[in-house]
């Protein structure tokens, strides 16, 4: 997706660990995952609405 290698991911993880600390990092990751799931759900819902709109226009 972003074409990141293992070295880049390790560096990003270490920077995040330094910035936020070990105790807050799991909560941040959990929140990021939840927001990503909500975004994908909203995106799918929008696609379904567009497809339903196109189908009703054809009839």
PDB file of N, CA and C in Angstrom:
ATOM      1  N   UNK A   1       0.833  -1.186   0.000  1.00  0.00           N
ATOM      2  CA  UNK A   1       0.000   0.000   0.000  1.00  0.00           C
ATOM      3  C   UNK A   1       0.878   1.249   0.000  1.00  0.00           C
ATOM      4  N   UNK A   2       1.729   1.394   1.008  1.00  0.00           N
ATOM      5  CA  UNK A   2       2.606   2.555   1.077  1.00  0.00           C
ATOM      6  C   UNK A   2       4.027   2.196   0.671  1.00  0.00           C
ATOM      7  N   UNK A   3       4.242   0.937   0.300  1.00  0.00           N
ATOM      8  CA  UNK A   3       5.539   0.455  -0.151  1.00  0.00           C
ATOM      9  C   UNK A   3       6.611   0.659   0.917  1.00  0.00           C
ATOM     10  N   UNK A   4       6.274   0.317   2.176  1.00  0.00           N
ATOM     11  CA  UNK A   4       7.216   0.422   3.286  1.00  0.00           C
ATOM     12  C   UNK A   4       7.863  -0.920   3.550  1.00  0.00           C
ATOM     13  N   UNK A   5       9.151  -0.885   3.805  1.00  0.00           N
ATOM     14  CA  UNK A   5       9.867  -2.106   4.141  1.00  0.00           C
ATOM     15  C   UNK A   5       9.907  -2.303   5.647  1.00  0.00           C
ATOM     16  N   UNK A   6      10.553  -3.374   6.057  1.00  0.00           N
ATOM     17  CA  UNK A   6      10.640  -3.705   7.481  1.00  0.00           C
ATOM     18  C   UNK A   6      11.423  -2.645   8.247  1.00  0.00           C
ATOM     19  N   UNK A   7      12.498  -2.172   7.675  1.00  0.00           N
ATOM     20  CA  UNK A   7      13.312  -1.155   8.339  1.00  0.00           C
ATOM     21  C   UNK A   7      12.544   0.126   8.609  1.00  0.00           C
ATOM     22  N   UNK A   8      11.776   0.567   7.622  1.00  0.00           N
ATOM     23  CA  UNK A   8      10.978   1.783   7.800  1.00  0.00           C
ATOM     24  C   UNK A   8       9.905   1.603   8.863  1.00  0.00           C
ATOM     25  N   UNK A   9       9.270   0.430   8.876  1.00  0.00           N
ATOM     26  CA  UNK A   9       8.242   0.175   9.885  1.00  0.00           C
ATOM     27  C   UNK A   9       8.825   0.153  11.290  1.00  0.00           C
ATOM     28  N   UNK A  10      10.011  -0.405  11.447  1.00  0.00           N
ATOM     29  CA  UNK A  10      10.666  -0.442  12.753  1.00  0.00           C
ATOM     30  C   UNK A  10      10.988   0.973  13.218  1.00  0.00           C
ATOM     31  N   UNK A  11      11.494   1.795  12.322  1.00  0.00           N
ATOM     32  CA  UNK A  11      11.817   3.180  12.683  1.00  0.00           C
ATOM     33  C   UNK A  11      10.560   3.942  13.070  1.00  0.00           C
ATOM     34  N   UNK A  12       9.478   3.774  12.327  1.00  0.00           N
ATOM     35  CA  UNK A  12       8.209   4.439  12.653  1.00  0.00           C
ATOM     36  C   UNK A  12       7.710   3.970  14.011  1.00  0.00           C
ATOM     37  N   UNK A  13       7.787   2.665  14.270  1.00  0.00           N
ATOM     38  CA  UNK A  13       7.344   2.142  15.552  1.00  0.00           C
ATOM     39  C   UNK A  13       8.172   2.717  16.702  1.00  0.00           C
ATOM     40  N   UNK A  14       9.477   2.810  16.531  1.00  0.00           N
ATOM     41  CA  UNK A  14      10.339   3.356  17.579  1.00  0.00           C
ATOM     42  C   UNK A  14      10.047   4.832  17.841  1.00  0.00           C
ATOM     43  N   UNK A  15       9.799   5.584  16.798  1.00  0.00           N
ATOM     44  CA  UNK A  15       9.456   7.001  16.969  1.00  0.00           C
ATOM     45  C   UNK A  15       8.141   7.129  17.727  1.00  0.00           C
ATOM     46  N   UNK A  16       7.152   6.313  17.362  1.00  0.00           N
ATOM     47  CA  UNK A  16       5.877   6.350  18.075  1.00  0.00           C
ATOM     48  C   UNK A  16       6.046   5.942  19.533  1.00  0.00           C
ATOM     49  N   UNK A  17       6.875   4.970  19.774  1.00  0.00           N
ATOM     50  CA  UNK A  17       7.133   4.525  21.141  1.00  0.00           C
ATOM     51  C   UNK A  17       7.777   5.638  21.956  1.00  0.00           C
ATOM     52  N   UNK A  18       8.693   6.363  21.368  1.00  0.00           N
ATOM     53  CA  UNK A  18       9.331   7.478  22.066  1.00  0.00           C
ATOM     54  C   UNK A  18       8.366   8.632  22.312  1.00  0.00           C
ATOM     55  N   UNK A  19       7.520   8.910  21.336  1.00  0.00           N
ATOM     56  CA  UNK A  19       6.591  10.037  21.469  1.00  0.00           C
ATOM     57  C   UNK A  19       5.477   9.771  22.475  1.00  0.00           C
ATOM     58  N   UNK A  20       4.903   8.585  22.435  1.00  0.00           N
ATOM     59  CA  UNK A  20       3.705   8.324  23.224  1.00  0.00           C
ATOM     60  C   UNK A  20       3.931   7.404  24.411  1.00  0.00           C
ATOM     61  N   UNK A  21       5.004   6.673  24.434  1.00  0.00           N
ATOM     62  CA  UNK A  21       5.269   5.770  25.545  1.00  0.00           C
ATOM     63  C   UNK A  21       4.584   4.430  25.354  1.00  0.00           C
ATOM     64  N   UNK A  22       5.072   3.441  26.088  1.00  0.00           N
ATOM     65  CA  UNK A  22       4.565   2.085  25.950  1.00  0.00           C
ATOM     66  C   UNK A  22       3.153   1.890  26.473  1.00  0.00           C
ATOM     67  N   UNK A  23       2.741   2.709  27.434  1.00  0.00           N
ATOM     68  CA  UNK A  23       1.408   2.520  28.015  1.00  0.00           C
ATOM     69  C   UNK A  23       0.298   3.067  27.123  1.00  0.00           C
ATOM     70  N   UNK A  24       0.562   4.133  26.404  1.00  0.00           N
ATOM     71  CA  UNK A  24      -0.475   4.743  25.575  1.00  0.00           C
ATOM     72  C   UNK A  24      -0.534   4.178  24.168  1.00  0.00           C
ATOM     73  N   UNK A  25       0.512   3.528  23.727  1.00  0.00           N
ATOM     74  CA  UNK A  25       0.585   3.032  22.356  1.00  0.00           C
ATOM     75  C   UNK A  25      -0.496   2.003  22.016  1.00  0.00           C
ATOM     76  N   UNK A  26      -0.799   1.022  22.876  1.00  0.00           N
ATOM     77  CA  UNK A  26      -1.881   0.081  22.534  1.00  0.00           C
ATOM     78  C   UNK A  26      -3.246   0.765  22.410  1.00  0.00           C
ATOM     79  N   UNK A  27      -3.505   1.744  23.255  1.00  0.00           N
ATOM     80  CA  UNK A  27      -4.775   2.473  23.162  1.00  0.00           C
ATOM     81  C   UNK A  27      -4.872   3.269  21.878  1.00  0.00           C
ATOM     82  N   UNK A  28      -3.769   3.874  21.476  1.00  0.00           N
ATOM     83  CA  UNK A  28      -3.762   4.619  20.217  1.00  0.00           C
ATOM     84  C   UNK A  28      -3.978   3.694  19.024  1.00  0.00           C
ATOM     85  N   UNK A  29      -3.331   2.535  19.054  1.00  0.00           N
ATOM     86  CA  UNK A  29      -3.500   1.576  17.957  1.00  0.00           C
ATOM     87  C   UNK A  29      -4.937   1.062  17.902  1.00  0.00           C
ATOM     88  N   UNK A  30      -5.524   0.816  19.072  1.00  0.00           N
ATOM     89  CA  UNK A  30      -6.906   0.353  19.131  1.00  0.00           C
ATOM     90  C   UNK A  30      -7.855   1.413  18.571  1.00  0.00           C
ATOM     91  N   UNK A  31      -7.633   2.666  18.943  1.00  0.00           N
ATOM     92  CA  UNK A  31      -8.461   3.758  18.433  1.00  0.00           C
ATOM     93  C   UNK A  31      -8.310   3.946  16.936  1.00  0.00           C
ATOM     94  N   UNK A  32      -7.073   3.806  16.447  1.00  0.00           N
ATOM     95  CA  UNK A  32      -6.837   3.919  15.009  1.00  0.00           C
ATOM     96  C   UNK A  32      -7.550   2.808  14.251  1.00  0.00           C
ATOM     97  N   UNK A  33      -7.477   1.593  14.786  1.00  0.00           N
ATOM     98  CA  UNK A  33      -8.149   0.463  14.143  1.00  0.00           C
ATOM     99  C   UNK A  33      -9.652   0.639  14.108  1.00  0.00           C
ATOM    100  N   UNK A  34     -10.205   1.145  15.201  1.00  0.00           N
ATOM    101  CA  UNK A  34     -11.653   1.360  15.272  1.00  0.00           C
ATOM    102  C   UNK A  34     -12.084   2.429  14.265  1.00  0.00           C
ATOM    103  N   UNK A  35     -11.331   3.518  14.182  1.00  0.00           N
ATOM    104  CA  UNK A  35     -11.699   4.575  13.239  1.00  0.00           C
ATOM    105  C   UNK A  35     -11.550   4.096  11.799  1.00  0.00           C
ATOM    106  N   UNK A  36     -10.556   3.251  11.532  1.00  0.00           N
ATOM    107  CA  UNK A  36     -10.379   2.704  10.186  1.00  0.00           C
ATOM    108  C   UNK A  36     -11.547   1.792   9.815  1.00  0.00           C
ATOM    109  N   UNK A  37     -12.001   0.966  10.758  1.00  0.00           N
ATOM    110  CA  UNK A  37     -13.163   0.100  10.495  1.00  0.00           C
ATOM    111  C   UNK A  37     -14.415   0.924  10.236  1.00  0.00           C
ATOM    112  N   UNK A  38     -14.620   1.995  11.013  1.00  0.00           N
ATOM    113  CA  UNK A  38     -15.789   2.852  10.806  1.00  0.00           C
ATOM    114  C   UNK A  38     -15.732   3.537   9.443  1.00  0.00           C
ATOM    115  N   UNK A  39     -14.538   3.972   9.060  1.00  0.00           N
ATOM    116  CA  UNK A  39     -14.381   4.623   7.760  1.00  0.00           C
ATOM    117  C   UNK A  39     -14.701   3.660   6.627  1.00  0.00           C
ATOM    118  N   UNK A  40     -14.179   2.432   6.729  1.00  0.00           N
ATOM    119  CA  UNK A  40     -14.452   1.430   5.691  1.00  0.00           C
ATOM    120  C   UNK A  40     -15.939   1.094   5.635  1.00  0.00           C
ATOM    121  N   UNK A  41     -16.583   1.005   6.796  1.00  0.00           N
ATOM    122  CA  UNK A  41     -18.014   0.727   6.824  1.00  0.00           C
ATOM    123  C   UNK A  41     -18.812   1.841   6.161  1.00  0.00           C
ATOM    124  N   UNK A  42     -18.443   3.078   6.453  1.00  0.00           N
ATOM    125  CA  UNK A  42     -19.134   4.214   5.841  1.00  0.00           C
ATOM    126  C   UNK A  42     -18.895   4.246   4.337  1.00  0.00           C
ATOM    127  N   UNK A  43     -17.691   3.886   3.922  1.00  0.00           N
ATOM    128  CA  UNK A  43     -17.372   3.846   2.499  1.00  0.00           C
ATOM    129  C   UNK A  43     -18.207   2.786   1.782  1.00  0.00           C
ATOM    130  N   UNK A  44     -18.317   1.602   2.380  1.00  0.00           N
ATOM    131  CA  UNK A  44     -19.141   0.536   1.793  1.00  0.00           C
ATOM    132  C   UNK A  44     -20.613   0.949   1.741  1.00  0.00           C
ATOM    133  N   UNK A  45     -21.082   1.600   2.788  1.00  0.00           N
ATOM    134  CA  UNK A  45     -22.475   2.047   2.829  1.00  0.00           C
ATOM    135  C   UNK A  45     -22.737   3.064   1.713  1.00  0.00           C
ATOM    136  N   UNK A  46     -21.804   3.963   1.501  1.00  0.00           N
ATOM    137  CA  UNK A  46     -21.945   4.956   0.438  1.00  0.00           C
ATOM    138  C   UNK A  46     -21.939   4.288  -0.927  1.00  0.00           C
ATOM    139  N   UNK A  47     -21.065   3.305  -1.120  1.00  0.00           N
ATOM    140  CA  UNK A  47     -21.036   2.575  -2.390  1.00  0.00           C
ATOM    141  C   UNK A  47     -22.365   1.863  -2.629  1.00  0.00           C
ATOM    142  N   UNK A  48     -22.912   1.247  -1.587  1.00  0.00           N
ATOM    143  CA  UNK A  48     -24.199   0.558  -1.720  1.00  0.00           C
ATOM    144  C   UNK A  48     -25.305   1.534  -2.083  1.00  0.00           C
ATOM    145  N   UNK A  49     -25.314   2.712  -1.472  1.00  0.00           N
ATOM    146  CA  UNK A  49     -26.333   3.714  -1.782  1.00  0.00           C
ATOM    147  C   UNK A  49     -26.221   4.176  -3.228  1.00  0.00           C
ATOM    148  N   UNK A  50     -25.002   4.362  -3.695  1.00  0.00           N
ATOM    149  CA  UNK A  50     -24.806   4.784  -5.089  1.00  0.00           C
ATOM    150  C   UNK A  50     -25.275   3.694  -6.029  1.00  0.00           C
ATOM    151  N   UNK A  51     -24.919   2.437  -5.742  1.00  0.00           N
ATOM    152  CA  UNK A  51     -25.352   1.330  -6.598  1.00  0.00           C
ATOM    153  C   UNK A  51     -26.863   1.187  -6.586  1.00  0.00           C
ATOM    154  N   UNK A  52     -27.501   1.344  -5.435  1.00  0.00           N
ATOM    155  CA  UNK A  52     -28.958   1.250  -5.354  1.00  0.00           C
ATOM    156  C   UNK A  52     -29.606   2.394  -6.116  1.00  0.00           C
ATOM    157  N   UNK A  53     -29.005   3.580  -6.053  1.00  0.00           N
ATOM    158  CA  UNK A  53     -29.531   4.724  -6.781  1.00  0.00           C
ATOM    159  C   UNK A  53     -29.443   4.497  -8.290  1.00  0.00           C
ATOM    160  N   UNK A  54     -28.320   3.939  -8.734  1.00  0.00           N
ATOM    161  CA  UNK A  54     -28.155   3.663 -10.158  1.00  0.00           C
ATOM    162  C   UNK A  54     -29.137   2.589 -10.624  1.00  0.00           C
ATOM    163  N   UNK A  55     -29.368   1.581  -9.783  1.00  0.00           N
ATOM    164  CA  UNK A  55     -30.302   0.517 -10.142  1.00  0.00           C
ATOM    165  C   UNK A  55     -31.722   1.047 -10.234  1.00  0.00           C
ATOM    166  N   UNK A  56     -32.117   1.950  -9.331  1.00  0.00           N
ATOM    167  CA  UNK A  56     -33.471   2.481  -9.361  1.00  0.00           C
ATOM    168  C   UNK A  56     -33.663   3.436 -10.540  1.00  0.00           C
ATOM    169  N   UNK A  57     -32.594   4.100 -10.976  1.00  0.00           N
ATOM    170  CA  UNK A  57     -32.686   4.976 -12.132  1.00  0.00           C
ATOM    171  C   UNK A  57     -32.863   4.187 -13.420  1.00  0.00           C
ATOM    172  N   UNK A  58     -32.335   2.984 -13.479  1.00  0.00           N
ATOM    173  CA  UNK A  58     -32.446   2.157 -14.677  1.00  0.00           C
ATOM    174  C   UNK A  58     -33.860   1.620 -14.846  1.00  0.00           C
ATOM    175  N   UNK A  59     -34.595   1.477 -13.746  1.00  0.00           N
ATOM    176  CA  UNK A  59     -35.964   0.920 -13.832  1.00  0.00           C
ATOM    177  C   UNK A  59     -36.963   1.944 -14.167  1.00  0.00           C
TER     178      UNK A  59
END
